[in-house]
Amino acid sequence: MLRNQSTYRGYAITVEHKSGVWFITASPKTSDLPILRCYFSTARAQSEADAMAEAKYRVDKVLAA
């Protein structure tokens, strides 16, 4: 199981690989940021870097709205 934690634009992001699927958690670190779906998975990601890029894309999409 691979696991990576990062902070991006005020969100704590955890990327974890289990059974061939990347699981991603993105949680706001402050109360003024919108709440994302707390937990999502992606089968498209081929690597940890791809999974982290997907998480960052989702954060960017929410903040742009």
N, C-alpha and C. Protein backbone atom coordinates (compact mmCIF):
# COMPACT_ATOMS: atom_id res chain seq x y z
N MET A 1 0.85 -1.18 0.00
CA MET A 1 0.00 0.00 0.00
C MET A 1 0.89 1.24 0.00
N LEU A 2 0.69 2.10 -0.97
CA LEU A 2 1.39 3.36 -1.05
C LEU A 2 0.51 4.46 -0.49
N ARG A 3 1.13 5.39 0.22
CA ARG A 3 0.36 6.50 0.78
C ARG A 3 1.21 7.76 0.74
N ASN A 4 0.59 8.86 0.32
CA ASN A 4 1.28 10.14 0.24
C ASN A 4 0.35 11.23 0.76
N GLN A 5 0.88 12.14 1.54
CA GLN A 5 0.10 13.26 2.05
C GLN A 5 0.73 14.56 1.57
N SER A 6 -0.13 15.53 1.28
CA SER A 6 0.33 16.81 0.77
C SER A 6 -0.67 17.89 1.16
N THR A 7 -0.26 19.13 1.06
CA THR A 7 -1.16 20.27 1.24
C THR A 7 -1.16 21.05 -0.05
N TYR A 8 -2.35 21.43 -0.50
CA TYR A 8 -2.49 22.17 -1.75
C TYR A 8 -3.62 23.17 -1.62
N ARG A 9 -3.31 24.44 -1.78
CA ARG A 9 -4.29 25.54 -1.76
C ARG A 9 -5.22 25.47 -0.54
N GLY A 10 -4.67 25.08 0.59
CA GLY A 10 -5.44 25.06 1.83
C GLY A 10 -6.13 23.74 2.12
N TYR A 11 -5.92 22.73 1.30
CA TYR A 11 -6.53 21.41 1.51
C TYR A 11 -5.46 20.39 1.87
N ALA A 12 -5.80 19.53 2.81
CA ALA A 12 -4.96 18.38 3.13
C ALA A 12 -5.37 17.26 2.19
N ILE A 13 -4.44 16.76 1.40
CA ILE A 13 -4.73 15.72 0.42
C ILE A 13 -3.95 14.47 0.79
N THR A 14 -4.66 13.35 0.83
CA THR A 14 -4.02 12.05 1.05
C THR A 14 -4.34 11.17 -0.15
N VAL A 15 -3.30 10.58 -0.72
CA VAL A 15 -3.44 9.67 -1.85
C VAL A 15 -2.95 8.30 -1.38
N GLU A 16 -3.78 7.29 -1.57
CA GLU A 16 -3.47 5.95 -1.09
C GLU A 16 -3.82 4.92 -2.16
N HIS A 17 -2.94 3.96 -2.38
CA HIS A 17 -3.15 2.92 -3.40
C HIS A 17 -3.49 1.61 -2.71
N LYS A 18 -4.67 1.07 -3.03
CA LYS A 18 -5.11 -0.21 -2.46
C LYS A 18 -5.77 -1.03 -3.56
N SER A 19 -5.38 -2.25 -3.68
CA SER A 19 -6.03 -3.20 -4.61
C SER A 19 -6.17 -2.65 -6.02
N GLY A 20 -5.16 -1.94 -6.50
CA GLY A 20 -5.17 -1.44 -7.87
C GLY A 20 -5.96 -0.17 -8.09
N VAL A 21 -6.48 0.45 -7.03
CA VAL A 21 -7.27 1.68 -7.16
C VAL A 21 -6.65 2.75 -6.26
N TRP A 22 -6.63 3.98 -6.76
CA TRP A 22 -6.16 5.12 -5.98
C TRP A 22 -7.32 5.73 -5.21
N PHE A 23 -7.18 5.85 -3.90
CA PHE A 23 -8.18 6.49 -3.05
C PHE A 23 -7.63 7.84 -2.61
N ILE A 24 -8.46 8.86 -2.73
CA ILE A 24 -8.02 10.22 -2.48
C ILE A 24 -8.95 10.89 -1.48
N THR A 25 -8.38 11.50 -0.46
CA THR A 25 -9.12 12.29 0.51
C THR A 25 -8.62 13.72 0.41
N ALA A 26 -9.54 14.68 0.29
CA ALA A 26 -9.18 16.09 0.24
C ALA A 26 -10.06 16.83 1.23
N SER A 27 -9.44 17.37 2.27
CA SER A 27 -10.18 18.04 3.34
C SER A 27 -9.67 19.46 3.53
N PRO A 28 -10.58 20.43 3.65
CA PRO A 28 -10.13 21.81 3.89
C PRO A 28 -9.47 21.93 5.26
N LYS A 29 -8.42 22.75 5.31
CA LYS A 29 -7.72 22.96 6.58
C LYS A 29 -8.27 24.14 7.36
N THR A 30 -9.10 24.97 6.69
CA THR A 30 -9.73 26.10 7.38
C THR A 30 -11.22 26.10 7.06
N SER A 31 -12.00 26.73 7.92
CA SER A 31 -13.45 26.71 7.78
C SER A 31 -13.97 27.59 6.65
N ASP A 32 -13.15 28.47 6.09
CA ASP A 32 -13.62 29.35 5.02
C ASP A 32 -13.55 28.71 3.64
N LEU A 33 -12.98 27.52 3.53
CA LEU A 33 -12.89 26.82 2.24
C LEU A 33 -14.08 25.88 2.05
N PRO A 34 -14.53 25.71 0.81
CA PRO A 34 -15.63 24.78 0.57
C PRO A 34 -15.22 23.34 0.84
N ILE A 35 -16.19 22.55 1.25
CA ILE A 35 -15.93 21.13 1.53
C ILE A 35 -16.09 20.35 0.23
N LEU A 36 -15.09 19.55 -0.07
CA LEU A 36 -15.15 18.66 -1.23
C LEU A 36 -15.78 17.35 -0.80
N ARG A 37 -16.14 16.54 -1.78
CA ARG A 37 -16.49 15.18 -1.42
C ARG A 37 -15.29 14.64 -0.66
N CYS A 38 -15.51 14.17 0.51
CA CYS A 38 -14.40 13.82 1.40
C CYS A 38 -13.56 12.67 0.88
N TYR A 39 -14.13 11.81 0.07
CA TYR A 39 -13.43 10.61 -0.30
C TYR A 39 -13.82 10.23 -1.71
N PHE A 40 -12.87 10.04 -2.58
CA PHE A 40 -13.18 9.60 -3.92
C PHE A 40 -12.05 8.72 -4.42
N SER A 41 -12.32 7.93 -5.43
CA SER A 41 -11.30 7.04 -5.98
C SER A 41 -11.20 7.27 -7.48
N THR A 42 -10.08 6.87 -8.01
CA THR A 42 -9.88 7.00 -9.44
C THR A 42 -9.13 5.79 -9.98
N ALA A 43 -9.69 5.16 -10.98
CA ALA A 43 -9.03 4.04 -11.63
C ALA A 43 -8.21 4.53 -12.82
N ARG A 44 -8.40 5.79 -13.21
CA ARG A 44 -7.67 6.33 -14.36
C ARG A 44 -6.21 6.56 -14.07
N ALA A 45 -5.89 6.86 -12.84
CA ALA A 45 -4.51 7.20 -12.48
C ALA A 45 -3.61 5.98 -12.62
N GLN A 46 -2.52 6.16 -13.33
CA GLN A 46 -1.55 5.09 -13.51
C GLN A 46 -0.44 5.13 -12.46
N SER A 47 -0.30 6.27 -11.82
CA SER A 47 0.79 6.43 -10.85
C SER A 47 0.32 7.33 -9.71
N GLU A 48 1.15 7.40 -8.68
CA GLU A 48 0.86 8.29 -7.55
C GLU A 48 0.81 9.74 -8.02
N ALA A 49 1.71 10.11 -8.93
CA ALA A 49 1.72 11.48 -9.45
C ALA A 49 0.42 11.79 -10.19
N ASP A 50 -0.10 10.83 -10.95
CA ASP A 50 -1.37 11.03 -11.65
C ASP A 50 -2.52 11.21 -10.66
N ALA A 51 -2.52 10.41 -9.61
CA ALA A 51 -3.58 10.50 -8.59
C ALA A 51 -3.53 11.85 -7.88
N MET A 52 -2.33 12.32 -7.55
CA MET A 52 -2.19 13.62 -6.89
C MET A 52 -2.61 14.74 -7.84
N ALA A 53 -2.28 14.62 -9.12
CA ALA A 53 -2.70 15.62 -10.10
C ALA A 53 -4.22 15.67 -10.21
N GLU A 54 -4.88 14.52 -10.15
CA GLU A 54 -6.35 14.47 -10.18
C GLU A 54 -6.93 15.17 -8.95
N ALA A 55 -6.33 14.94 -7.79
CA ALA A 55 -6.80 15.59 -6.56
C ALA A 55 -6.66 17.11 -6.68
N LYS A 56 -5.53 17.57 -7.16
CA LYS A 56 -5.30 19.01 -7.30
C LYS A 56 -6.26 19.62 -8.33
N TYR A 57 -6.54 18.88 -9.39
CA TYR A 57 -7.50 19.35 -10.39
C TYR A 57 -8.87 19.54 -9.76
N ARG A 58 -9.28 18.60 -8.92
CA ARG A 58 -10.59 18.71 -8.27
C ARG A 58 -10.65 19.90 -7.31
N VAL A 59 -9.55 20.14 -6.59
CA VAL A 59 -9.49 21.31 -5.71
C VAL A 59 -9.61 22.59 -6.55
N ASP A 60 -8.84 22.67 -7.63
CA ASP A 60 -8.89 23.85 -8.50
C ASP A 60 -10.29 24.08 -9.05
N LYS A 61 -10.96 23.00 -9.45
CA LYS A 61 -12.30 23.10 -10.02
C LYS A 61 -13.30 23.67 -9.01
N VAL A 62 -13.21 23.22 -7.76
CA VAL A 62 -14.12 23.72 -6.71
C VAL A 62 -13.83 25.18 -6.41
N LEU A 63 -12.57 25.55 -6.32
CA LEU A 63 -12.21 26.93 -5.98
C LEU A 63 -12.52 27.90 -7.12
N ALA A 64 -12.57 27.41 -8.35
CA ALA A 64 -12.88 28.27 -9.49
C ALA A 64 -14.37 28.57 -9.61
N ALA A 65 -15.18 27.76 -8.97
CA ALA A 65 -16.65 27.92 -9.08
C ALA A 65 -17.13 29.11 -8.28
